[in-house]
Amino acid sequence: MEIRTTESDSKYRHLEKKTILEILTDINTEDKTVPHAVEKAIPQIEILANAIYDKMKEGGRLFYIGAGTSGRLGIVDASECPPTFGVPHDWVIGLMAGGDSAIRKSTEFAEDDINLAWKDLSEYSINDQDFVVGIAASGTTPYVINGLLDCNKRKINTGCISCNLGSPLAATAKYSVEVIVGPEYVTGSTRMKSGTAQKLVLNMLSTTVMIKLGRVKDNKMVDMQLTNNKLVDRGTRMVMEKSDVDYETANKLLVQHGSVRAALAALAL
């Protein structure tokens, strides 16, 4: 039976005998390899990002589906899009096996239910204008694979992010991203390097697509939600930077109009 990279034995032995400094140094050494693995996958990430953008610019939505750490990472990325880019909460949606309760506490065998992902997606009236990205380090999670299979049957575009080469998930997705990070420091603990790789790819995908959708101006989050004093201050300084007004005037405009973009529009900038 083939041993997949994500399940292969750690190259470090007798971890319990190591000092805290040795453990920290070893983990950091392994973590340093992750960005290089992601770099090798940029051609695949570019193709996937283009495909997602093509759907979203026409009004489609982006869905992430996953289980365990992979599902949680998708939910985190989706949940950050509204405050960062000022987009509606239904533009990017993260779903995971076991539902919201599984975010904090694992739900037994939810990831093995082959019908559950489509049931979850159907609650959002998903259609062929949308895009679904399956996330699974192993590339073998039934919840994710069968979710993409159900989407494929209905002509809904699919992509994936996995950390094993030639996985069943990659074979199922129309657009696959495979980031091969190698064995984990603790054997099979894919919340470590694999999870870091998935987070980096998700950052790249959502940020790139949102920039191309016009949700960033220059290098600024001009549509960010003003949900705390820090962000109000940041937004005020953005308005000042792009205009000749003082802090008090910029702050008043920002609060009045609700976003940096709207405040600058009021100044005809």
C-alpha atoms as a PDB file:
ATOM      1  CA  MET A   1       0.000   0.000   0.000  1.00  0.00           C
ATOM      2  CA  GLU A   2       1.356   3.400  -1.000  1.00  0.00           C
ATOM      3  CA  ILE A   3       2.295   5.726   1.872  1.00  0.00           C
ATOM      4  CA  ARG A   4       1.353   9.270   0.966  1.00  0.00           C
ATOM      5  CA  THR A   5       3.816  12.039   1.751  1.00  0.00           C
ATOM      6  CA  THR A   6       1.553  13.623   4.350  1.00  0.00           C
ATOM      7  CA  GLU A   7       1.471  10.311   6.245  1.00  0.00           C
ATOM      8  CA  SER A   8       5.102   9.345   5.824  1.00  0.00           C
ATOM      9  CA  ASP A   9       7.357   9.081   8.856  1.00  0.00           C
ATOM     10  CA  SER A  10       8.958  12.212  10.277  1.00  0.00           C
ATOM     11  CA  LYS A  11      12.677  12.477   9.676  1.00  0.00           C
ATOM     12  CA  TYR A  12      13.062  13.445  13.335  1.00  0.00           C
ATOM     13  CA  ARG A  13      13.129  10.728  15.995  1.00  0.00           C
ATOM     14  CA  HIS A  14      12.585  10.507  19.766  1.00  0.00           C
ATOM     15  CA  LEU A  15      10.954  13.923  19.996  1.00  0.00           C
ATOM     16  CA  GLU A  16      10.104  13.375  23.663  1.00  0.00           C
ATOM     17  CA  LYS A  17      13.821  13.310  24.497  1.00  0.00           C
ATOM     18  CA  LYS A  18      14.587  16.664  22.903  1.00  0.00           C
ATOM     19  CA  THR A  19      14.883  19.953  24.747  1.00  0.00           C
ATOM     20  CA  ILE A  20      12.307  22.685  24.162  1.00  0.00           C
ATOM     21  CA  LEU A  21      14.896  24.664  22.195  1.00  0.00           C
ATOM     22  CA  GLU A  22      15.671  21.656  19.998  1.00  0.00           C
ATOM     23  CA  ILE A  23      11.968  21.101  19.266  1.00  0.00           C
ATOM     24  CA  LEU A  24      11.371  24.758  18.443  1.00  0.00           C
ATOM     25  CA  THR A  25      14.442  24.888  16.207  1.00  0.00           C
ATOM     26  CA  ASP A  26      13.454  21.703  14.380  1.00  0.00           C
ATOM     27  CA  ILE A  27       9.904  22.939  13.745  1.00  0.00           C
ATOM     28  CA  ASN A  28      11.213  26.268  12.490  1.00  0.00           C
ATOM     29  CA  THR A  29      13.647  24.484  10.182  1.00  0.00           C
ATOM     30  CA  GLU A  30      10.781  22.531   8.648  1.00  0.00           C
ATOM     31  CA  ASP A  31       8.514  25.605   8.437  1.00  0.00           C
ATOM     32  CA  LYS A  32      11.148  27.423   6.371  1.00  0.00           C
ATOM     33  CA  THR A  33      10.674  24.885   3.582  1.00  0.00           C
ATOM     34  CA  VAL A  34       6.972  25.644   3.127  1.00  0.00           C
ATOM     35  CA  PRO A  35       7.196  28.914   1.124  1.00  0.00           C
ATOM     36  CA  HIS A  36       9.568  27.231  -1.310  1.00  0.00           C
ATOM     37  CA  ALA A  37       7.065  24.426  -1.843  1.00  0.00           C
ATOM     38  CA  VAL A  38       4.337  27.011  -2.444  1.00  0.00           C
ATOM     39  CA  GLU A  39       6.587  28.850  -4.904  1.00  0.00           C
ATOM     40  CA  LYS A  40       6.863  25.700  -7.022  1.00  0.00           C
ATOM     41  CA  ALA A  41       3.054  25.591  -7.215  1.00  0.00           C
ATOM     42  CA  ILE A  42       2.596  29.205  -8.402  1.00  0.00           C
ATOM     43  CA  PRO A  43       1.846  28.155 -12.020  1.00  0.00           C
ATOM     44  CA  GLN A  44      -1.033  25.992 -10.703  1.00  0.00           C
ATOM     45  CA  ILE A  45      -2.168  28.740  -8.321  1.00  0.00           C
ATOM     46  CA  GLU A  46      -2.202  31.260 -11.187  1.00  0.00           C
ATOM     47  CA  ILE A  47      -4.477  29.053 -13.295  1.00  0.00           C
ATOM     48  CA  LEU A  48      -6.847  28.511 -10.372  1.00  0.00           C
ATOM     49  CA  ALA A  49      -6.904  32.222  -9.470  1.00  0.00           C
ATOM     50  CA  ASN A  50      -7.734  33.151 -13.063  1.00  0.00           C
ATOM     51  CA  ALA A  51     -10.569  30.627 -13.158  1.00  0.00           C
ATOM     52  CA  ILE A  52     -12.032  31.907  -9.879  1.00  0.00           C
ATOM     53  CA  TYR A  53     -11.753  35.522 -11.038  1.00  0.00           C
ATOM     54  CA  ASP A  54     -13.530  34.725 -14.307  1.00  0.00           C
ATOM     55  CA  LYS A  55     -16.523  33.426 -12.339  1.00  0.00           C
ATOM     56  CA  MET A  56     -16.574  36.091  -9.652  1.00  0.00           C
ATOM     57  CA  LYS A  57     -16.318  39.035 -12.037  1.00  0.00           C
ATOM     58  CA  GLU A  58     -19.584  37.825 -13.558  1.00  0.00           C
ATOM     59  CA  GLY A  59     -21.283  37.688 -10.153  1.00  0.00           C
ATOM     60  CA  GLY A  60     -20.408  34.145  -9.072  1.00  0.00           C
ATOM     61  CA  ARG A  61     -19.479  33.156  -5.537  1.00  0.00           C
ATOM     62  CA  LEU A  62     -16.471  31.290  -4.161  1.00  0.00           C
ATOM     63  CA  PHE A  63     -16.995  28.315  -1.856  1.00  0.00           C
ATOM     64  CA  TYR A  64     -14.355  26.483   0.175  1.00  0.00           C
ATOM     65  CA  ILE A  65     -15.112  22.984   1.447  1.00  0.00           C
ATOM     66  CA  GLY A  66     -12.939  20.946   3.791  1.00  0.00           C
ATOM     67  CA  ALA A  67     -12.716  18.900   6.962  1.00  0.00           C
ATOM     68  CA  GLY A  68     -10.681  19.354  10.116  1.00  0.00           C
ATOM     69  CA  THR A  69      -7.828  21.837   9.852  1.00  0.00           C
ATOM     70  CA  SER A  70      -8.399  22.251   6.121  1.00  0.00           C
ATOM     71  CA  GLY A  71     -12.048  23.155   6.657  1.00  0.00           C
ATOM     72  CA  ARG A  72     -11.181  25.612   9.409  1.00  0.00           C
ATOM     73  CA  LEU A  73      -8.596  27.334   7.216  1.00  0.00           C
ATOM     74  CA  GLY A  74     -11.175  27.795   4.465  1.00  0.00           C
ATOM     75  CA  ILE A  75     -13.622  29.305   6.940  1.00  0.00           C
ATOM     76  CA  VAL A  76     -10.954  31.677   8.263  1.00  0.00           C
ATOM     77  CA  ASP A  77     -10.076  32.898   4.772  1.00  0.00           C
ATOM     78  CA  ALA A  78     -13.733  33.352   3.816  1.00  0.00           C
ATOM     79  CA  SER A  79     -14.551  35.184   7.046  1.00  0.00           C
ATOM     80  CA  GLU A  80     -11.727  37.672   6.528  1.00  0.00           C
ATOM     81  CA  CYS A  81     -12.891  38.807   3.085  1.00  0.00           C
ATOM     82  CA  PRO A  82     -15.792  41.064   4.231  1.00  0.00           C
ATOM     83  CA  PRO A  83     -13.808  43.070   6.817  1.00  0.00           C
ATOM     84  CA  THR A  84     -10.701  43.288   4.636  1.00  0.00           C
ATOM     85  CA  PHE A  85     -12.281  44.032   1.279  1.00  0.00           C
ATOM     86  CA  GLY A  86     -15.757  45.270   2.220  1.00  0.00           C
ATOM     87  CA  VAL A  87     -17.500  42.559   0.217  1.00  0.00           C
ATOM     88  CA  PRO A  88     -20.839  40.928   1.130  1.00  0.00           C
ATOM     89  CA  HIS A  89     -20.657  37.908   3.424  1.00  0.00           C
ATOM     90  CA  ASP A  90     -22.030  35.661   0.689  1.00  0.00           C
ATOM     91  CA  TRP A  91     -19.253  36.354  -1.816  1.00  0.00           C
ATOM     92  CA  VAL A  92     -16.800  33.897  -0.236  1.00  0.00           C
ATOM     93  CA  ILE A  93     -18.258  31.078   1.865  1.00  0.00           C
ATOM     94  CA  GLY A  94     -16.373  28.475   3.896  1.00  0.00           C
ATOM     95  CA  LEU A  95     -18.009  25.152   4.723  1.00  0.00           C
ATOM     96  CA  MET A  96     -16.639  22.232   6.706  1.00  0.00           C
ATOM     97  CA  ALA A  97     -17.687  18.698   7.482  1.00  0.00           C
ATOM     98  CA  GLY A  98     -19.757  18.704  10.650  1.00  0.00           C
ATOM     99  CA  GLY A  99     -20.910  22.312  10.314  1.00  0.00           C
ATOM    100  CA  ASP A 100     -20.111  25.294  12.516  1.00  0.00           C
ATOM    101  CA  SER A 101     -19.890  23.193  15.690  1.00  0.00           C
ATOM    102  CA  ALA A 102     -16.930  21.332  14.140  1.00  0.00           C
ATOM    103  CA  ILE A 103     -14.933  24.573  14.017  1.00  0.00           C
ATOM    104  CA  ARG A 104     -14.208  24.157  17.723  1.00  0.00           C
ATOM    105  CA  LYS A 105     -14.833  20.466  18.317  1.00  0.00           C
ATOM    106  CA  SER A 106     -14.250  17.558  15.947  1.00  0.00           C
ATOM    107  CA  THR A 107     -17.359  15.793  14.700  1.00  0.00           C
ATOM    108  CA  GLU A 108     -16.922  12.032  14.441  1.00  0.00           C
ATOM    109  CA  PHE A 109     -16.903  10.590  10.913  1.00  0.00           C
ATOM    110  CA  ALA A 110     -18.406  13.741   9.335  1.00  0.00           C
ATOM    111  CA  GLU A 111     -15.551  13.847   6.836  1.00  0.00           C
ATOM    112  CA  ASP A 112     -16.423  10.312   5.699  1.00  0.00           C
ATOM    113  CA  ASP A 113     -20.007  11.193   4.704  1.00  0.00           C
ATOM    114  CA  ILE A 114     -20.007  11.206   0.900  1.00  0.00           C
ATOM    115  CA  ASN A 115     -23.336  13.058   0.624  1.00  0.00           C
ATOM    116  CA  LEU A 116     -22.782  15.757   3.205  1.00  0.00           C
ATOM    117  CA  ALA A 117     -20.823  18.313   1.156  1.00  0.00           C
ATOM    118  CA  TRP A 118     -23.478  18.574  -1.546  1.00  0.00           C
ATOM    119  CA  LYS A 119     -26.140  18.893   1.132  1.00  0.00           C
ATOM    120  CA  ASP A 120     -24.162  21.750   2.700  1.00  0.00           C
ATOM    121  CA  LEU A 121     -23.613  23.475  -0.659  1.00  0.00           C
ATOM    122  CA  SER A 122     -27.256  23.077  -1.646  1.00  0.00           C
ATOM    123  CA  GLU A 123     -28.317  25.197   1.317  1.00  0.00           C
ATOM    124  CA  TYR A 124     -26.771  28.135  -0.530  1.00  0.00           C
ATOM    125  CA  SER A 125     -28.580  27.425  -3.824  1.00  0.00           C
ATOM    126  CA  ILE A 126     -25.224  26.853  -5.493  1.00  0.00           C
ATOM    127  CA  ASN A 127     -25.259  26.963  -9.296  1.00  0.00           C
ATOM    128  CA  ASP A 128     -22.956  26.866 -12.307  1.00  0.00           C
ATOM    129  CA  GLN A 129     -22.047  30.534 -11.892  1.00  0.00           C
ATOM    130  CA  ASP A 130     -20.199  29.673  -8.669  1.00  0.00           C
ATOM    131  CA  PHE A 131     -16.794  28.109  -7.975  1.00  0.00           C
ATOM    132  CA  VAL A 132     -15.930  25.460  -5.370  1.00  0.00           C
ATOM    133  CA  VAL A 133     -12.436  24.822  -4.012  1.00  0.00           C
ATOM    134  CA  GLY A 134     -11.889  21.634  -2.023  1.00  0.00           C
ATOM    135  CA  ILE A 135      -9.167  21.742   0.621  1.00  0.00           C
ATOM    136  CA  ALA A 136      -7.603  18.526   1.945  1.00  0.00           C
ATOM    137  CA  ALA A 137      -3.960  17.977   2.866  1.00  0.00           C
ATOM    138  CA  SER A 138      -4.192  14.260   2.158  1.00  0.00           C
ATOM    139  CA  GLY A 139      -6.235  14.698  -1.006  1.00  0.00           C
ATOM    140  CA  THR A 140      -8.313  11.691   0.078  1.00  0.00           C
ATOM    141  CA  THR A 141     -11.082  13.171   2.253  1.00  0.00           C
ATOM    142  CA  PRO A 142     -14.453  11.695   1.131  1.00  0.00           C
ATOM    143  CA  TYR A 143     -16.431  14.817   2.134  1.00  0.00           C
ATOM    144  CA  VAL A 144     -14.295  16.957  -0.155  1.00  0.00           C
ATOM    145  CA  ILE A 145     -13.841  14.562  -3.067  1.00  0.00           C
ATOM    146  CA  ASN A 146     -17.515  13.708  -3.319  1.00  0.00           C
ATOM    147  CA  GLY A 147     -18.473  17.355  -2.950  1.00  0.00           C
ATOM    148  CA  LEU A 148     -16.388  18.156  -6.021  1.00  0.00           C
ATOM    149  CA  LEU A 149     -17.761  15.133  -7.883  1.00  0.00           C
ATOM    150  CA  ASP A 150     -21.303  16.385  -7.265  1.00  0.00           C
ATOM    151  CA  CYS A 151     -20.297  19.829  -8.500  1.00  0.00           C
ATOM    152  CA  ASN A 152     -18.654  18.412 -11.614  1.00  0.00           C
ATOM    153  CA  LYS A 153     -21.873  16.565 -12.479  1.00  0.00           C
ATOM    154  CA  ARG A 154     -23.714  19.889 -12.398  1.00  0.00           C
ATOM    155  CA  LYS A 155     -21.117  21.813 -14.443  1.00  0.00           C
ATOM    156  CA  ILE A 156     -19.948  23.816 -11.422  1.00  0.00           C
ATOM    157  CA  ASN A 157     -16.254  24.679 -11.702  1.00  0.00           C
ATOM    158  CA  THR A 158     -14.003  23.022  -9.140  1.00  0.00           C
ATOM    159  CA  GLY A 159     -10.497  23.466  -7.795  1.00  0.00           C
ATOM    160  CA  CYS A 160      -8.484  21.992  -4.946  1.00  0.00           C
ATOM    161  CA  ILE A 161      -5.554  22.545  -2.629  1.00  0.00           C
ATOM    162  CA  SER A 162      -3.764  19.401  -1.466  1.00  0.00           C
ATOM    163  CA  CYS A 163      -0.327  18.365  -0.231  1.00  0.00           C
ATOM    164  CA  ASN A 164       0.092  14.960  -1.879  1.00  0.00           C
ATOM    165  CA  LEU A 165       1.128  14.441  -5.478  1.00  0.00           C
ATOM    166  CA  GLY A 166      -1.408  12.707  -7.709  1.00  0.00           C
ATOM    167  CA  SER A 167      -4.142  12.461  -5.090  1.00  0.00           C
ATOM    168  CA  PRO A 168      -7.753  11.413  -5.819  1.00  0.00           C
ATOM    169  CA  LEU A 169      -8.817  14.970  -4.999  1.00  0.00           C
ATOM    170  CA  ALA A 170      -6.454  16.468  -7.589  1.00  0.00           C
ATOM    171  CA  ALA A 171      -7.779  13.977 -10.139  1.00  0.00           C
ATOM    172  CA  THR A 172     -11.343  15.084  -9.340  1.00  0.00           C
ATOM    173  CA  ALA A 173     -10.851  18.864  -9.428  1.00  0.00           C
ATOM    174  CA  LYS A 174     -10.812  20.708 -12.724  1.00  0.00           C
ATOM    175  CA  TYR A 175      -8.078  22.994 -11.410  1.00  0.00           C
ATOM    176  CA  SER A 176      -5.678  21.450  -8.890  1.00  0.00           C
ATOM    177  CA  VAL A 177      -2.973  22.953  -6.716  1.00  0.00           C
ATOM    178  CA  GLU A 178      -0.551  20.486  -5.146  1.00  0.00           C
ATOM    179  CA  VAL A 179       1.934  21.828  -2.602  1.00  0.00           C
ATOM    180  CA  ILE A 180       4.282  19.027  -1.597  1.00  0.00           C
ATOM    181  CA  VAL A 181       5.763  19.976   1.773  1.00  0.00           C
ATOM    182  CA  GLY A 182       7.037  16.526   2.729  1.00  0.00           C
ATOM    183  CA  PRO A 183       6.674  14.642   6.033  1.00  0.00           C
ATOM    184  CA  GLU A 184       5.427  16.525   9.059  1.00  0.00           C
ATOM    185  CA  TYR A 185       7.578  17.067  12.165  1.00  0.00           C
ATOM    186  CA  VAL A 186       5.071  15.001  14.137  1.00  0.00           C
ATOM    187  CA  THR A 187       4.194  12.181  11.759  1.00  0.00           C
ATOM    188  CA  GLY A 188       0.834  12.780  10.065  1.00  0.00           C
ATOM    189  CA  SER A 189       0.104  16.052  11.890  1.00  0.00           C
ATOM    190  CA  THR A 190      -1.005  17.966   8.804  1.00  0.00           C
ATOM    191  CA  ARG A 191      -2.061  20.996  10.842  1.00  0.00           C
ATOM    192  CA  MET A 192       1.661  21.857  10.730  1.00  0.00           C
ATOM    193  CA  LYS A 193       3.474  22.296   7.381  1.00  0.00           C
ATOM    194  CA  SER A 194       0.509  21.238   5.265  1.00  0.00           C
ATOM    195  CA  GLY A 195      -1.787  23.622   7.108  1.00  0.00           C
ATOM    196  CA  THR A 196       0.713  26.448   6.726  1.00  0.00           C
ATOM    197  CA  ALA A 197       0.969  25.758   2.998  1.00  0.00           C
ATOM    198  CA  GLN A 198      -2.808  25.751   2.608  1.00  0.00           C
ATOM    199  CA  LYS A 199      -3.070  29.055   4.497  1.00  0.00           C
ATOM    200  CA  LEU A 200      -0.464  30.652   2.229  1.00  0.00           C
ATOM    201  CA  VAL A 201      -2.262  29.477  -0.907  1.00  0.00           C
ATOM    202  CA  LEU A 202      -5.631  30.686   0.381  1.00  0.00           C
ATOM    203  CA  ASN A 203      -4.096  34.095   1.165  1.00  0.00           C
ATOM    204  CA  MET A 204      -2.765  34.253  -2.374  1.00  0.00           C
ATOM    205  CA  LEU A 205      -6.025  33.208  -4.008  1.00  0.00           C
ATOM    206  CA  SER A 206      -8.439  35.477  -2.157  1.00  0.00           C
ATOM    207  CA  THR A 207      -6.131  38.502  -2.129  1.00  0.00           C
ATOM    208  CA  THR A 208      -5.308  38.214  -5.829  1.00  0.00           C
ATOM    209  CA  VAL A 209      -8.931  37.785  -6.844  1.00  0.00           C
ATOM    210  CA  MET A 210     -10.116  40.668  -4.664  1.00  0.00           C
ATOM    211  CA  ILE A 211      -7.434  42.969  -6.066  1.00  0.00           C
ATOM    212  CA  LYS A 212      -8.488  42.082  -9.618  1.00  0.00           C
ATOM    213  CA  LEU A 213     -12.126  42.679  -8.656  1.00  0.00           C
ATOM    214  CA  GLY A 214     -11.170  46.241  -7.732  1.00  0.00           C
ATOM    215  CA  ARG A 215     -11.375  45.911  -3.958  1.00  0.00           C
ATOM    216  CA  VAL A 216      -7.904  47.431  -3.441  1.00  0.00           C
ATOM    217  CA  LYS A 217      -6.733  50.865  -4.612  1.00  0.00           C
ATOM    218  CA  ASP A 218      -2.985  51.327  -5.016  1.00  0.00           C
ATOM    219  CA  ASN A 219      -1.951  49.105  -2.097  1.00  0.00           C
ATOM    220  CA  LYS A 220      -4.688  50.110   0.330  1.00  0.00           C
ATOM    221  CA  MET A 221      -7.801  48.360   1.683  1.00  0.00           C
ATOM    222  CA  VAL A 222     -10.094  51.209   0.669  1.00  0.00           C
ATOM    223  CA  ASP A 223     -13.262  49.163   1.215  1.00  0.00           C
ATOM    224  CA  MET A 224     -12.354  47.697   4.626  1.00  0.00           C
ATOM    225  CA  GLN A 225     -15.045  47.665   7.280  1.00  0.00           C
ATOM    226  CA  LEU A 226     -14.550  50.242  10.028  1.00  0.00           C
ATOM    227  CA  THR A 227     -15.197  47.879  12.912  1.00  0.00           C
ATOM    228  CA  ASN A 228     -12.822  49.270  15.550  1.00  0.00           C
ATOM    229  CA  ASN A 229     -10.839  52.373  16.461  1.00  0.00           C
ATOM    230  CA  LYS A 230      -7.628  51.024  14.940  1.00  0.00           C
ATOM    231  CA  LEU A 231      -9.283  50.628  11.554  1.00  0.00           C
ATOM    232  CA  VAL A 232     -10.969  54.021  11.767  1.00  0.00           C
ATOM    233  CA  ASP A 233      -7.568  55.560  12.461  1.00  0.00           C
ATOM    234  CA  ARG A 234      -5.996  53.617   9.583  1.00  0.00           C
ATOM    235  CA  GLY A 235      -8.776  54.716   7.255  1.00  0.00           C
ATOM    236  CA  THR A 236      -8.447  58.328   8.362  1.00  0.00           C
ATOM    237  CA  ARG A 237      -4.745  58.292   7.555  1.00  0.00           C
ATOM    238  CA  MET A 238      -5.481  56.759   4.147  1.00  0.00           C
ATOM    239  CA  VAL A 239      -7.816  59.663   3.361  1.00  0.00           C
ATOM    240  CA  MET A 240      -5.174  62.153   4.546  1.00  0.00           C
ATOM    241  CA  GLU A 241      -2.502  60.468   2.425  1.00  0.00           C
ATOM    242  CA  LYS A 242      -4.600  60.760  -0.735  1.00  0.00           C
ATOM    243  CA  SER A 243      -5.780  64.332  -0.092  1.00  0.00           C
ATOM    244  CA  ASP A 244      -4.734  67.643   1.437  1.00  0.00           C
ATOM    245  CA  VAL A 245      -7.141  67.521   4.389  1.00  0.00           C
ATOM    246  CA  ASP A 246      -6.120  67.344   8.040  1.00  0.00           C
ATOM    247  CA  TYR A 247      -6.798  64.440  10.420  1.00  0.00           C
ATOM    248  CA  GLU A 248      -9.997  65.877  11.863  1.00  0.00           C
ATOM    249  CA  THR A 249     -11.510  66.572   8.441  1.00  0.00           C
ATOM    250  CA  ALA A 250     -10.438  63.176   7.096  1.00  0.00           C
ATOM    251  CA  ASN A 251     -11.917  61.425  10.119  1.00  0.00           C
ATOM    252  CA  LYS A 252     -15.210  63.281   9.778  1.00  0.00           C
ATOM    253  CA  LEU A 253     -15.452  62.401   6.079  1.00  0.00           C
ATOM    254  CA  LEU A 254     -14.624  58.759   6.763  1.00  0.00           C
ATOM    255  CA  VAL A 255     -17.231  58.364   9.486  1.00  0.00           C
ATOM    256  CA  GLN A 256     -19.832  60.210   7.424  1.00  0.00           C
ATOM    257  CA  HIS A 257     -19.349  58.144   4.266  1.00  0.00           C
ATOM    258  CA  GLY A 258     -18.457  54.796   5.816  1.00  0.00           C
ATOM    259  CA  SER A 259     -15.374  53.834   3.811  1.00  0.00           C
ATOM    260  CA  VAL A 260     -12.104  55.218   2.514  1.00  0.00           C
ATOM    261  CA  ARG A 261     -13.292  54.831  -1.063  1.00  0.00           C
ATOM    262  CA  ALA A 262     -16.509  56.762  -0.416  1.00  0.00           C
ATOM    263  CA  ALA A 263     -14.679  59.489   1.524  1.00  0.00           C
ATOM    264  CA  LEU A 264     -12.222  59.958  -1.344  1.00  0.00           C
ATOM    265  CA  ALA A 265     -15.098  60.024  -3.829  1.00  0.00           C
ATOM    266  CA  ALA A 266     -16.695  62.810  -1.804  1.00  0.00           C
ATOM    267  CA  LEU A 267     -13.449  64.748  -2.266  1.00  0.00           C
ATOM    268  CA  ALA A 268     -13.543  63.917  -5.984  1.00  0.00           C
ATOM    269  CA  LEU A 269     -10.320  61.931  -5.656  1.00  0.00           C
END
